[in-house]
Structure formats: C-alpha cells, structure tokens
Amino acid sequence: MQHSAGFTRDDVVTAALEIGVDRFTMGKVARRLGVSAADLGRTVSSRDDLLVACLERVSADVTLPPTGLSWQDYLRQLSDSLWDVLDAHPGLDHTLINLAWAYVPFMSVAKRAHNALVSGGLRSEDAYLALSYTLSTVLTAHQQAVAMAETIESDRRPGQGERGIDAATRMWDERFGGSGAALGMRGPHELHGGDDADRVPFRPKESWLDRSAMAPKVEVIIGGFSSLSDVLSASGAGDHGASRGASPASQSNDTRESSVNTLVLVFHPNISESRVNKALGAAAESLGGNITVRYMYDIYPDFNIDVATEQAALLGADRIVLQYPMYWLSCPPLLKKWLDDVLTFGWAYGSTGTALHGKELLLAVSVGGAGSAYGREGAHIYTIHEFLRPMQGTSRVIGTKYAVPFLSVGALEITDEAIAGRAQDYAAVLQTPELPLLDIFG
C-alpha cells in the first residue's frame, strides 16, 4: 500500500473500526492506511485516545427507536437496535463488557433512551435499571452468538474446523445424551430438580446463533418491570411515590441527581456573549442535585480571590470541573491566578498537602479553531492534549485523578445544533458515576 500523507483523524477512526474495536493496534491501523505508526501521532495521541474516538463514532451512529412508544415496545425495539450496532462493529460487545470505562461515550444515547422510557410510562429509577438489564442481556447474548458461530479447530478432526455451536452440541450430547434423559429432563425447556438443580442442561440450538435467543430474555425483563408496576399501583406507591420516587408525570424533566458531589467552575471572561460555554454552563445548572456551578468572573471581577471560600468549596466536592475557553493555547488569566492563589503549599501539594487527593479533575475546554489545526501537520503542530499537559501535570502534583478532558472543538464556527448536542453530552458526562482517566502519556 502506498504511503498516504493526507489522512485525517476520521480516516484513522474508520481504519480502526474496520479492523475491529477490540483488535486494532496502532501498528495495524498504520499499515491499513499505508503510513508509519509514528505518523498516526499527528491525529491521535495514544490507543486509548483512538478507542475513545471510535466509541464516540459508534455512539453517534446509534439509531434509537422513535419516541411515543410504550416503554415495553421501546425496550423491544431498543434491544434490536443495539444488536444491529453490535453486528456492525465486531468486537464492540467484548470491549463494552471487559473495559470498565467503555460505556461512558454512550451516556448521551443512554440518557435519550431513558427519557423515552419515562415518557412511555416507566418510573425514572426503573428506567435506568431496565436499560442496564437490557444492555447486559443484549451484550452477553450477542457475545455468545458470535462465539457459537465462530469456526474453531476441531479436536476430533485435526486440520479441520467446526462451528462453536457444533462443538458445544457434541460435548453436551456426549455428557447428557441428545434427549437430556441423563439429567431427568421431562421436556426440552424444563429444568430438572435434585442435586443438579444449579446446572442449566439446555441443549444448544440453532437459534443461539442470532437474536432469537435474546428476545425471550428481554421479555422476562419487561415482565418483571410490568409486575413491579402492578404491585406499586396496588399498594398505592404508584400514586404517592412512597418507596420508589415520584411518578413519571410529576418528575421535572427526566433528570437524575448525580450521586457525585460535583463542582463546576466556569472561567469565561464574557459568559453572556459566549455560545459554547454559556450552553455548557446552562446544561450543568439544569441538572441540579449535587452539581454546583459557579461563574468565576462574575464572583471575582476584580481578581481578588477569596482563598478560604475556594478551598472550602473544593473540599466539599468529589469531582472538580474546570470549564474554560482555550486562550493563546493556555487558559484565561483568572484561572491561572486561581491556580496560583488557591492551590497552596501544605494544603494542595507538599508532604502535608493532601486536601485534594483522590478527587476527580475534569477539564471542559472549548477551542476556537478547527480540530485539523492541532496535530503534527496542523498550524499549531501539537495536539490539544499536549497543550493541556500543564493542567495534567498540575493534577499529578495535587493528587487528583485526571479524567479524559471534555473538548468542544471549532467553537468559532460551530452550529447551534452542534452546540445543543455538546451540551447534552456534557450533561451526560457530569452525571457519570466514574469518569475514564487519561493515561499519563495519553
């Protein structure tokens, strides 16, 4: 393959997805593009950076069911939509099951699905549970179907292959017989009793190769939540929200209070004229609950920072969010002064400076220029993450956990629709229980 010097970050993401979400390496991606692995550094800083970009691409392509459905029909159609996504991206099921933070880029999609379930008649907290159970069911059923359909080397016929389901069926028959009589089964779908009650003696079926095996499990989930709704209605809890919160009709918007005490500090010199940061700040404020938003230029127009107040606010937070526009490849002057004044020796760093240890630090940074301006062949040469290295280094010094930054690129020309999308994504990130961390050299 010929060397291609004109590739973009989107090209790199496409190549990685073609190889497989769980199988690509930087070397494989480079070979697919016909470039060197070092060349990839122009567009992606690490494999994790590329994986996040892949998951964001997949998330953006997810087609959710139409709104207006009952919650039961929405869950049925949602499970089919998720199966289609997993079919389109081999290895995605494995990645979502085995990588702890891989679900985070999908939080915006999950939030929209939650809204639809609540609108369809399911209680807010039950909607979150139903989504969790459905996703787990689809993922495991799909991963099993892939394993069953995969051709493996036969231990009976060296050099020849057989499907996983054929090997499983042969082993099952050898152990229990084709009829299951050895297990005392009275019918093909009955569990036996006795000492072996914990075993699941179902003989493999061709339906295990596709979504047919998933559908009955989704119906069990729907049946369980339907029964729960009936019990709540009969007990009166459905009317009063005594034990499971307010009914869908009485909930404000569909927002869920975050269980993480989050402090959002907005450093924008002219927030009223801002488009991106103004929208992000409003999205954060709308969440309420344990999320506090403070507009620092409004509080300290004279740059006279109240250190005691700021340190007290930081102590009460589990997650600290610094939201600001990138100014001259750095931060606004008030943020720099805030860092100098508030993060004092003996409190934030030094042998006794452990006040912020273990807290999450998230940067929410807007960048005016296009993403193509950042990278080895861009006007600025360095990536955005590289320009944020001083903040990452500060996080390391003060003992905070440095989360993957929330970046809004191209702020000068971004459309209103795109801003609304970023605000929705921001709200989802702020409500995430645990944020993915950026590798030291990521």
Protein backbone atom coordinates (compact mmCIF):
# COMPACT_ATOMS: atom_id res chain seq x y z
CA MET A 1 0.00 0.00 0.00
CA GLN A 2 1.29 3.45 -0.87
CA HIS A 3 2.11 5.95 1.85
CA SER A 4 -0.72 8.46 2.28
CA ALA A 5 0.33 11.74 3.86
CA GLY A 6 -3.13 13.32 3.68
CA PHE A 7 -5.04 11.19 6.15
CA THR A 8 -7.25 12.71 8.85
CA ARG A 9 -8.35 11.69 12.33
CA ASP A 10 -11.61 10.46 10.80
CA ASP A 11 -9.61 8.23 8.44
CA VAL A 12 -7.75 6.76 11.42
CA VAL A 13 -11.01 6.06 13.26
CA THR A 14 -12.52 4.42 10.18
CA ALA A 15 -9.47 2.20 9.77
CA ALA A 16 -9.57 1.14 13.43
CA LEU A 17 -13.27 0.28 13.21
CA GLU A 18 -12.67 -1.75 10.05
CA ILE A 19 -10.03 -3.80 11.87
CA GLY A 20 -12.28 -4.25 14.92
CA VAL A 21 -12.84 -2.28 18.10
CA ASP A 22 -11.17 -4.91 20.24
CA ARG A 23 -8.48 -5.97 17.76
CA PHE A 24 -6.90 -2.86 16.34
CA THR A 25 -3.41 -1.81 17.29
CA MET A 26 -1.65 1.37 16.26
CA GLY A 27 0.58 -0.72 14.01
CA LYS A 28 -2.36 -2.42 12.26
CA VAL A 29 -4.10 0.91 11.73
CA ALA A 30 -0.92 2.43 10.30
CA ARG A 31 -0.48 -0.47 7.88
CA ARG A 32 -4.09 -0.23 6.78
CA LEU A 33 -3.60 3.46 5.98
CA GLY A 34 -0.22 2.91 4.38
CA VAL A 35 1.62 5.12 6.83
CA SER A 36 4.07 4.63 9.66
CA ALA A 37 2.94 4.23 13.27
CA ALA A 38 4.75 7.46 14.10
CA ASP A 39 2.63 9.29 11.51
CA LEU A 40 -0.51 8.44 13.49
CA GLY A 41 0.71 10.76 16.25
CA ARG A 42 -0.42 13.67 14.10
CA THR A 43 -4.06 12.80 14.75
CA VAL A 44 -4.25 10.54 17.81
CA SER A 45 -2.10 10.62 20.92
CA SER A 46 -2.50 7.00 22.04
CA ARG A 47 -4.51 3.83 21.53
CA ASP A 48 -6.90 4.90 24.29
CA ASP A 49 -7.40 8.24 22.53
CA LEU A 50 -8.23 6.37 19.32
CA LEU A 51 -10.52 3.95 21.13
CA VAL A 52 -12.47 6.83 22.67
CA ALA A 53 -12.83 8.35 19.19
CA CYS A 54 -14.07 5.00 17.84
CA LEU A 55 -16.65 4.65 20.59
CA GLU A 56 -17.80 8.23 20.06
CA ARG A 57 -18.24 7.49 16.34
CA VAL A 58 -20.26 4.35 17.09
CA SER A 59 -22.36 6.21 19.66
CA ALA A 60 -23.17 8.94 17.13
CA ASP A 61 -24.34 6.29 14.66
CA VAL A 62 -26.74 4.54 17.06
CA THR A 63 -30.33 4.72 15.78
CA LEU A 64 -32.76 4.82 18.69
CA PRO A 65 -36.42 3.77 18.36
CA PRO A 66 -38.94 6.55 17.69
CA THR A 67 -40.38 8.36 20.70
CA GLY A 68 -44.02 7.99 21.61
CA LEU A 69 -43.88 4.22 22.10
CA SER A 70 -44.92 2.44 25.28
CA TRP A 71 -41.89 1.62 27.40
CA GLN A 72 -42.39 -2.08 26.66
CA ASP A 73 -42.27 -1.61 22.87
CA TYR A 74 -39.41 0.85 23.22
CA LEU A 75 -37.30 -1.74 25.08
CA ARG A 76 -38.07 -4.36 22.43
CA GLN A 77 -37.05 -2.08 19.58
CA LEU A 78 -34.06 -0.77 21.53
CA SER A 79 -32.69 -4.29 22.01
CA ASP A 80 -32.93 -4.87 18.25
CA SER A 81 -31.20 -1.54 17.54
CA LEU A 82 -28.38 -2.40 19.92
CA TRP A 83 -27.98 -5.82 18.33
CA ASP A 84 -27.66 -4.13 14.92
CA VAL A 85 -24.91 -1.87 16.27
CA LEU A 86 -23.02 -4.86 17.69
CA ASP A 87 -23.38 -6.70 14.36
CA ALA A 88 -21.98 -3.69 12.53
CA HIS A 89 -18.95 -3.40 14.82
CA PRO A 90 -17.34 -6.77 15.62
CA GLY A 91 -15.63 -6.79 18.98
CA LEU A 92 -17.75 -3.98 20.41
CA ASP A 93 -19.58 -6.42 22.71
CA HIS A 94 -16.28 -7.70 24.09
CA THR A 95 -15.00 -4.14 24.62
CA LEU A 96 -18.11 -2.94 26.44
CA ILE A 97 -18.10 -5.99 28.71
CA ASN A 98 -14.41 -6.04 29.55
CA LEU A 99 -13.32 -2.38 29.56
CA ALA A 100 -14.64 -0.55 32.61
CA TRP A 101 -14.96 2.91 31.06
CA ALA A 102 -16.07 1.95 27.54
CA TYR A 103 -19.73 2.74 28.29
CA VAL A 104 -19.04 6.43 29.03
CA PRO A 105 -19.10 7.69 25.39
CA PHE A 106 -22.60 6.20 25.14
CA MET A 107 -24.07 8.15 28.06
CA SER A 108 -25.79 10.68 25.82
CA VAL A 109 -27.53 7.86 23.96
CA ALA A 110 -28.46 6.20 27.25
CA LYS A 111 -29.93 9.43 28.56
CA ARG A 112 -32.15 9.84 25.48
CA ALA A 113 -33.30 6.23 25.82
CA HIS A 114 -34.06 6.84 29.50
CA ASN A 115 -36.15 9.89 28.58
CA ALA A 116 -38.17 7.83 26.11
CA LEU A 117 -38.80 5.06 28.65
CA VAL A 118 -40.01 7.58 31.22
CA SER A 119 -42.24 9.22 28.62
CA GLY A 120 -43.55 5.74 27.82
CA GLY A 121 -44.73 5.23 31.40
CA LEU A 122 -41.79 3.75 33.32
CA ARG A 123 -40.57 5.33 36.54
CA SER A 124 -37.23 7.14 36.30
CA GLU A 125 -35.25 4.84 38.58
CA ASP A 126 -36.82 1.75 36.99
CA ALA A 127 -35.96 3.11 33.55
CA TYR A 128 -32.27 3.18 34.50
CA LEU A 129 -32.46 -0.39 35.79
CA ALA A 130 -34.34 -1.57 32.71
CA LEU A 131 -31.70 -0.02 30.48
CA SER A 132 -28.91 -1.64 32.46
CA TYR A 133 -30.52 -5.09 32.38
CA THR A 134 -31.36 -4.81 28.68
CA LEU A 135 -27.87 -3.71 27.70
CA SER A 136 -26.28 -6.51 29.73
CA THR A 137 -28.64 -9.03 28.16
CA VAL A 138 -28.00 -7.86 24.61
CA LEU A 139 -24.23 -7.78 25.13
CA THR A 140 -23.96 -11.27 26.61
CA ALA A 141 -26.42 -12.80 24.14
CA HIS A 142 -24.56 -11.25 21.22
CA GLN A 143 -21.15 -12.33 22.51
CA GLN A 144 -22.49 -15.88 22.93
CA ALA A 145 -23.93 -15.85 19.39
CA VAL A 146 -20.56 -14.74 18.00
CA ALA A 147 -18.77 -17.49 19.91
CA MET A 148 -21.27 -20.11 18.75
CA ALA A 149 -20.96 -19.07 15.11
CA GLU A 150 -17.16 -18.81 15.13
CA THR A 151 -15.22 -21.57 13.42
CA ILE A 152 -12.75 -23.27 15.71
CA GLU A 153 -10.26 -26.07 15.13
CA SER A 154 -11.84 -29.45 15.74
CA ASP A 155 -10.20 -31.63 18.35
CA ARG A 156 -11.64 -34.68 16.59
CA ARG A 157 -10.55 -33.82 13.06
CA PRO A 158 -7.10 -32.16 13.13
CA GLY A 159 -6.69 -29.51 10.49
CA GLN A 160 -10.44 -29.11 10.08
CA GLY A 161 -12.74 -26.57 11.63
CA GLU A 162 -16.19 -26.69 13.13
CA ARG A 163 -18.58 -24.09 14.46
CA GLY A 164 -18.57 -23.39 18.15
CA ILE A 165 -22.20 -24.48 18.43
CA ASP A 166 -21.41 -27.83 16.81
CA ALA A 167 -18.60 -28.47 19.29
CA ALA A 168 -20.88 -27.45 22.19
CA THR A 169 -23.70 -29.70 20.96
CA ARG A 170 -21.38 -32.67 20.56
CA MET A 171 -19.97 -32.21 24.06
CA TRP A 172 -23.47 -31.81 25.54
CA ASP A 173 -24.73 -34.97 23.84
CA GLU A 174 -21.71 -36.96 24.99
CA ARG A 175 -22.31 -35.92 28.58
CA PHE A 176 -26.07 -35.95 28.86
CA GLY A 177 -27.49 -37.60 25.74
CA GLY A 178 -29.43 -35.93 22.99
CA SER A 179 -32.71 -36.14 24.91
CA GLY A 180 -31.34 -34.95 28.22
CA ALA A 181 -32.58 -38.13 29.85
CA ALA A 182 -29.39 -38.42 31.88
CA LEU A 183 -30.44 -35.26 33.67
CA GLY A 184 -34.02 -36.38 34.29
CA MET A 185 -35.45 -33.72 31.97
CA ARG A 186 -39.14 -34.11 31.17
CA GLY A 187 -39.10 -31.75 28.21
CA PRO A 188 -36.70 -29.67 26.15
CA HIS A 189 -37.37 -26.47 28.11
CA GLU A 190 -37.69 -27.85 31.64
CA LEU A 191 -35.12 -27.65 34.38
CA HIS A 192 -34.68 -30.77 36.43
CA GLY A 193 -34.71 -31.00 40.19
CA GLY A 194 -32.47 -32.92 42.54
CA ASP A 195 -28.83 -32.42 43.38
CA ASP A 196 -28.06 -30.94 39.95
CA ALA A 197 -30.59 -28.12 40.21
CA ASP A 198 -27.94 -25.45 39.78
CA ARG A 199 -26.96 -26.72 36.35
CA VAL A 200 -28.66 -25.43 33.19
CA PRO A 201 -28.98 -28.50 30.93
CA PHE A 202 -30.24 -26.82 27.76
CA ARG A 203 -29.03 -28.46 24.60
CA PRO A 204 -27.55 -25.86 22.18
CA LYS A 205 -29.96 -24.72 19.47
CA GLU A 206 -29.50 -23.01 16.12
CA SER A 207 -31.47 -20.03 17.49
CA TRP A 208 -28.48 -19.30 19.71
CA LEU A 209 -26.70 -18.05 16.59
CA ASP A 210 -28.83 -14.92 16.24
CA ARG A 211 -31.05 -12.53 18.19
CA SER A 212 -33.72 -15.19 18.62
CA ALA A 213 -32.05 -16.19 21.88
CA MET A 214 -32.13 -12.58 23.10
CA ALA A 215 -35.83 -11.86 22.60
CA PRO A 216 -37.21 -14.17 25.36
CA LYS A 217 -34.75 -12.70 27.86
CA VAL A 218 -35.89 -9.17 27.02
CA GLU A 219 -39.48 -10.29 27.55
CA VAL A 220 -38.51 -11.54 31.02
CA ILE A 221 -37.13 -8.07 31.80
CA ILE A 222 -40.31 -6.43 30.53
CA GLY A 223 -42.45 -8.86 32.50
CA GLY A 224 -40.51 -8.17 35.68
CA PHE A 225 -40.90 -4.41 35.47
CA SER A 226 -44.56 -4.75 34.45
CA SER A 227 -45.21 -6.85 37.55
CA LEU A 228 -43.38 -4.33 39.70
CA SER A 229 -45.56 -1.53 38.32
CA ASP A 230 -48.67 -3.57 39.10
CA VAL A 231 -47.52 -4.15 42.68
CA LEU A 232 -46.76 -0.47 43.21
CA SER A 233 -50.12 0.55 41.80
CA ALA A 234 -51.97 -1.92 44.01
CA SER A 235 -50.12 -0.77 47.12
CA GLY A 236 -50.67 2.91 46.41
CA ALA A 237 -46.98 3.62 45.98
CA GLY A 238 -47.66 4.39 42.35
CA ASP A 239 -49.91 7.26 43.44
CA HIS A 240 -47.77 8.66 46.20
CA GLY A 241 -44.22 7.67 45.22
CA ALA A 242 -43.70 6.46 48.77
CA SER A 243 -40.97 3.95 48.08
CA ARG A 244 -39.79 4.47 44.53
CA GLY A 245 -39.94 8.18 43.87
CA ALA A 246 -42.37 10.38 42.01
CA SER A 247 -44.43 9.13 39.10
CA PRO A 248 -43.21 9.95 35.59
CA ALA A 249 -45.78 12.69 35.15
CA SER A 250 -44.61 14.54 38.25
CA GLN A 251 -40.88 14.33 37.56
CA SER A 252 -39.22 17.53 36.40
CA ASN A 253 -37.75 16.89 33.00
CA ASP A 254 -36.24 13.46 33.47
CA THR A 255 -33.07 14.50 35.14
CA ARG A 256 -31.43 12.30 37.74
CA GLU A 257 -29.47 13.79 40.56
CA SER A 258 -25.86 12.84 40.41
CA SER A 259 -24.54 10.84 43.35
CA VAL A 260 -21.16 12.55 42.89
CA ASN A 261 -20.70 15.97 44.52
CA THR A 262 -19.57 17.96 41.50
CA LEU A 263 -18.19 21.50 41.49
CA VAL A 264 -18.20 23.19 38.08
CA LEU A 265 -16.04 26.32 37.95
CA VAL A 266 -16.66 28.33 34.79
CA PHE A 267 -13.81 30.65 33.82
CA HIS A 268 -15.11 32.70 30.89
CA PRO A 269 -14.42 36.46 30.83
CA ASN A 270 -17.65 37.25 28.98
CA ILE A 271 -20.07 34.40 29.52
CA SER A 272 -23.11 36.36 28.31
CA GLU A 273 -21.57 36.64 24.84
CA SER A 274 -20.33 33.06 24.76
CA ARG A 275 -22.11 30.44 22.70
CA VAL A 276 -20.43 27.19 23.70
CA ASN A 277 -19.54 27.86 27.35
CA LYS A 278 -22.86 29.56 28.00
CA ALA A 279 -24.72 26.49 26.72
CA LEU A 280 -22.49 24.09 28.66
CA GLY A 281 -22.92 26.08 31.86
CA ALA A 282 -26.70 26.13 31.43
CA ALA A 283 -26.74 22.37 30.83
CA ALA A 284 -24.77 21.82 34.04
CA GLU A 285 -27.05 24.13 36.02
CA SER A 286 -30.17 22.33 34.78
CA LEU A 287 -29.03 19.11 36.44
CA GLY A 288 -29.33 20.48 39.96
CA GLY A 289 -28.90 17.99 42.76
CA ASN A 290 -25.27 17.52 43.76
CA ILE A 291 -23.93 19.61 40.88
CA THR A 292 -22.91 23.18 41.73
CA VAL A 293 -21.99 25.70 39.04
CA ARG A 294 -20.03 28.88 39.82
CA TYR A 295 -19.22 31.60 37.29
CA MET A 296 -15.84 32.77 38.49
CA TYR A 297 -15.53 36.03 36.51
CA ASP A 298 -18.86 37.14 38.00
CA ILE A 299 -17.69 36.26 41.51
CA TYR A 300 -14.22 37.81 41.19
CA PRO A 301 -14.42 40.65 38.64
CA ASP A 302 -11.51 42.35 40.43
CA PHE A 303 -9.42 39.12 40.54
CA ASN A 304 -9.39 39.35 44.37
CA ILE A 305 -9.89 35.65 45.09
CA ASP A 306 -11.21 34.51 48.47
CA VAL A 307 -8.87 31.59 49.07
CA ALA A 308 -10.67 30.22 52.13
CA THR A 309 -14.01 30.14 50.28
CA GLU A 310 -12.48 28.41 47.27
CA GLN A 311 -10.68 25.81 49.33
CA ALA A 312 -13.85 25.05 51.27
CA ALA A 313 -15.75 24.57 48.02
CA LEU A 314 -13.07 22.19 46.73
CA LEU A 315 -13.09 20.17 49.95
CA GLY A 316 -16.82 19.55 49.58
CA ALA A 317 -16.50 18.21 46.04
CA ASP A 318 -15.79 14.70 44.80
CA ARG A 319 -15.33 15.96 41.26
CA ILE A 320 -13.82 19.30 40.23
CA VAL A 321 -14.63 20.59 36.76
CA LEU A 322 -12.64 23.46 35.29
CA GLN A 323 -14.63 24.81 32.34
CA TYR A 324 -12.96 27.41 30.18
CA PRO A 325 -12.07 28.51 26.64
CA MET A 326 -8.51 27.94 25.46
CA TYR A 327 -6.77 31.34 25.32
CA TRP A 328 -3.49 31.60 23.44
CA LEU A 329 -3.06 27.84 23.76
CA SER A 330 -3.44 28.20 27.52
CA CYS A 331 -6.13 29.24 29.99
CA PRO A 332 -7.85 32.58 30.83
CA PRO A 333 -5.91 34.79 33.28
CA LEU A 334 -8.36 34.39 36.19
CA LEU A 335 -7.97 30.63 36.09
CA LYS A 336 -4.19 30.96 36.20
CA LYS A 337 -4.46 33.29 39.20
CA TRP A 338 -6.95 30.93 40.85
CA LEU A 339 -4.47 28.08 40.49
CA ASP A 340 -1.68 30.22 41.95
CA ASP A 341 -3.73 31.53 44.89
CA VAL A 342 -5.88 28.54 45.87
CA LEU A 343 -3.61 25.52 45.39
CA THR A 344 -1.28 26.43 48.21
CA PHE A 345 1.75 24.56 49.52
CA GLY A 346 0.91 22.42 52.53
CA TRP A 347 -2.76 22.29 51.51
CA ALA A 348 -2.85 21.15 47.88
CA TYR A 349 0.69 19.86 47.50
CA GLY A 350 3.79 19.13 49.50
CA SER A 351 4.27 16.49 52.18
CA THR A 352 1.17 17.63 54.10
CA GLY A 353 -0.77 18.97 51.10
CA THR A 354 -3.25 16.17 50.59
CA ALA A 355 -6.57 18.05 50.65
CA LEU A 356 -7.46 17.16 47.05
CA HIS A 357 -6.03 13.66 46.87
CA GLY A 358 -8.32 11.17 45.16
CA LYS A 359 -10.77 13.73 43.77
CA GLU A 360 -11.58 13.70 40.08
CA LEU A 361 -10.41 16.61 37.93
CA LEU A 362 -12.19 17.17 34.62
CA LEU A 363 -11.26 19.87 32.13
CA ALA A 364 -14.11 21.10 29.92
CA VAL A 365 -12.27 23.12 27.31
CA SER A 366 -13.60 24.89 24.24
CA VAL A 367 -11.24 25.53 21.35
CA GLY A 368 -11.99 28.17 18.74
CA GLY A 369 -10.03 26.66 15.86
CA ALA A 370 -10.83 23.55 13.87
CA GLY A 371 -9.50 20.21 15.02
CA SER A 372 -7.34 19.97 11.89
CA ALA A 373 -5.24 22.87 13.21
CA TYR A 374 -3.94 20.66 16.02
CA GLY A 375 -1.50 17.86 15.28
CA ARG A 376 1.83 17.34 13.62
CA GLU A 377 0.69 18.70 10.26
CA GLY A 378 -1.65 21.36 11.64
CA ALA A 379 -0.94 25.04 12.17
CA HIS A 380 -0.26 24.51 15.89
CA ILE A 381 1.89 21.34 15.46
CA TYR A 382 0.85 19.91 18.84
CA THR A 383 -2.37 18.11 19.79
CA ILE A 384 -4.88 19.69 22.15
CA HIS A 385 -4.00 17.12 24.81
CA GLU A 386 -0.38 18.22 24.55
CA PHE A 387 -1.34 21.86 25.09
CA LEU A 388 -3.21 20.70 28.22
CA ARG A 389 -0.12 18.98 29.65
CA PRO A 390 0.46 21.73 32.27
CA MET A 391 -3.01 21.05 33.68
CA GLN A 392 -2.36 17.31 33.60
CA GLY A 393 0.92 17.91 35.41
CA THR A 394 -0.84 20.08 37.99
CA SER A 395 -3.34 17.29 38.57
CA ARG A 396 -0.50 14.87 39.25
CA VAL A 397 1.14 17.27 41.72
CA ILE A 398 -2.07 17.82 43.73
CA GLY A 399 -3.06 14.14 43.67
CA THR A 400 -6.28 14.35 41.69
CA LYS A 401 -7.45 11.79 39.15
CA TYR A 402 -7.14 13.37 35.71
CA ALA A 403 -10.19 12.48 33.64
CA VAL A 404 -10.29 12.43 29.86
CA PRO A 405 -10.95 16.11 29.01
CA PHE A 406 -14.31 17.14 27.55
CA LEU A 407 -13.35 19.05 24.41
CA SER A 408 -15.53 21.27 22.23
CA VAL A 409 -13.52 21.98 19.10
CA GLY A 410 -14.26 24.53 16.36
CA ALA A 411 -16.17 26.84 18.69
CA LEU A 412 -15.88 29.83 16.35
CA GLU A 413 -17.88 28.18 13.58
CA ILE A 414 -19.92 25.55 15.43
CA THR A 415 -23.62 25.36 14.57
CA ASP A 416 -26.41 25.85 17.09
CA GLU A 417 -27.43 22.24 16.56
CA ALA A 418 -23.92 21.03 17.33
CA ILE A 419 -23.78 23.21 20.45
CA ALA A 420 -27.03 21.67 21.67
CA GLY A 421 -25.52 18.24 21.12
CA ARG A 422 -22.38 19.11 23.06
CA ALA A 423 -24.48 20.48 25.92
CA GLN A 424 -26.41 17.22 26.04
CA ASP A 425 -23.18 15.22 26.02
CA TYR A 426 -21.77 17.45 28.78
CA ALA A 427 -24.79 16.82 30.99
CA ALA A 428 -24.39 13.08 30.49
CA VAL A 429 -20.69 13.22 31.38
CA LEU A 430 -21.38 15.23 34.54
CA GLN A 431 -23.86 12.57 35.66
CA THR A 432 -21.46 9.70 35.03
CA PRO A 433 -20.62 7.98 38.35
CA GLU A 434 -16.95 7.46 37.47
CA LEU A 435 -15.10 9.16 34.64
CA PRO A 436 -12.48 7.45 32.46
CA LEU A 437 -8.97 8.62 33.26
CA LEU A 438 -6.38 9.77 30.76
CA ASP A 439 -3.15 7.82 30.72
CA ILE A 440 -0.12 9.76 31.94
CA PHE A 441 1.23 9.90 28.40
CA GLY A 442 -2.18 9.82 26.68
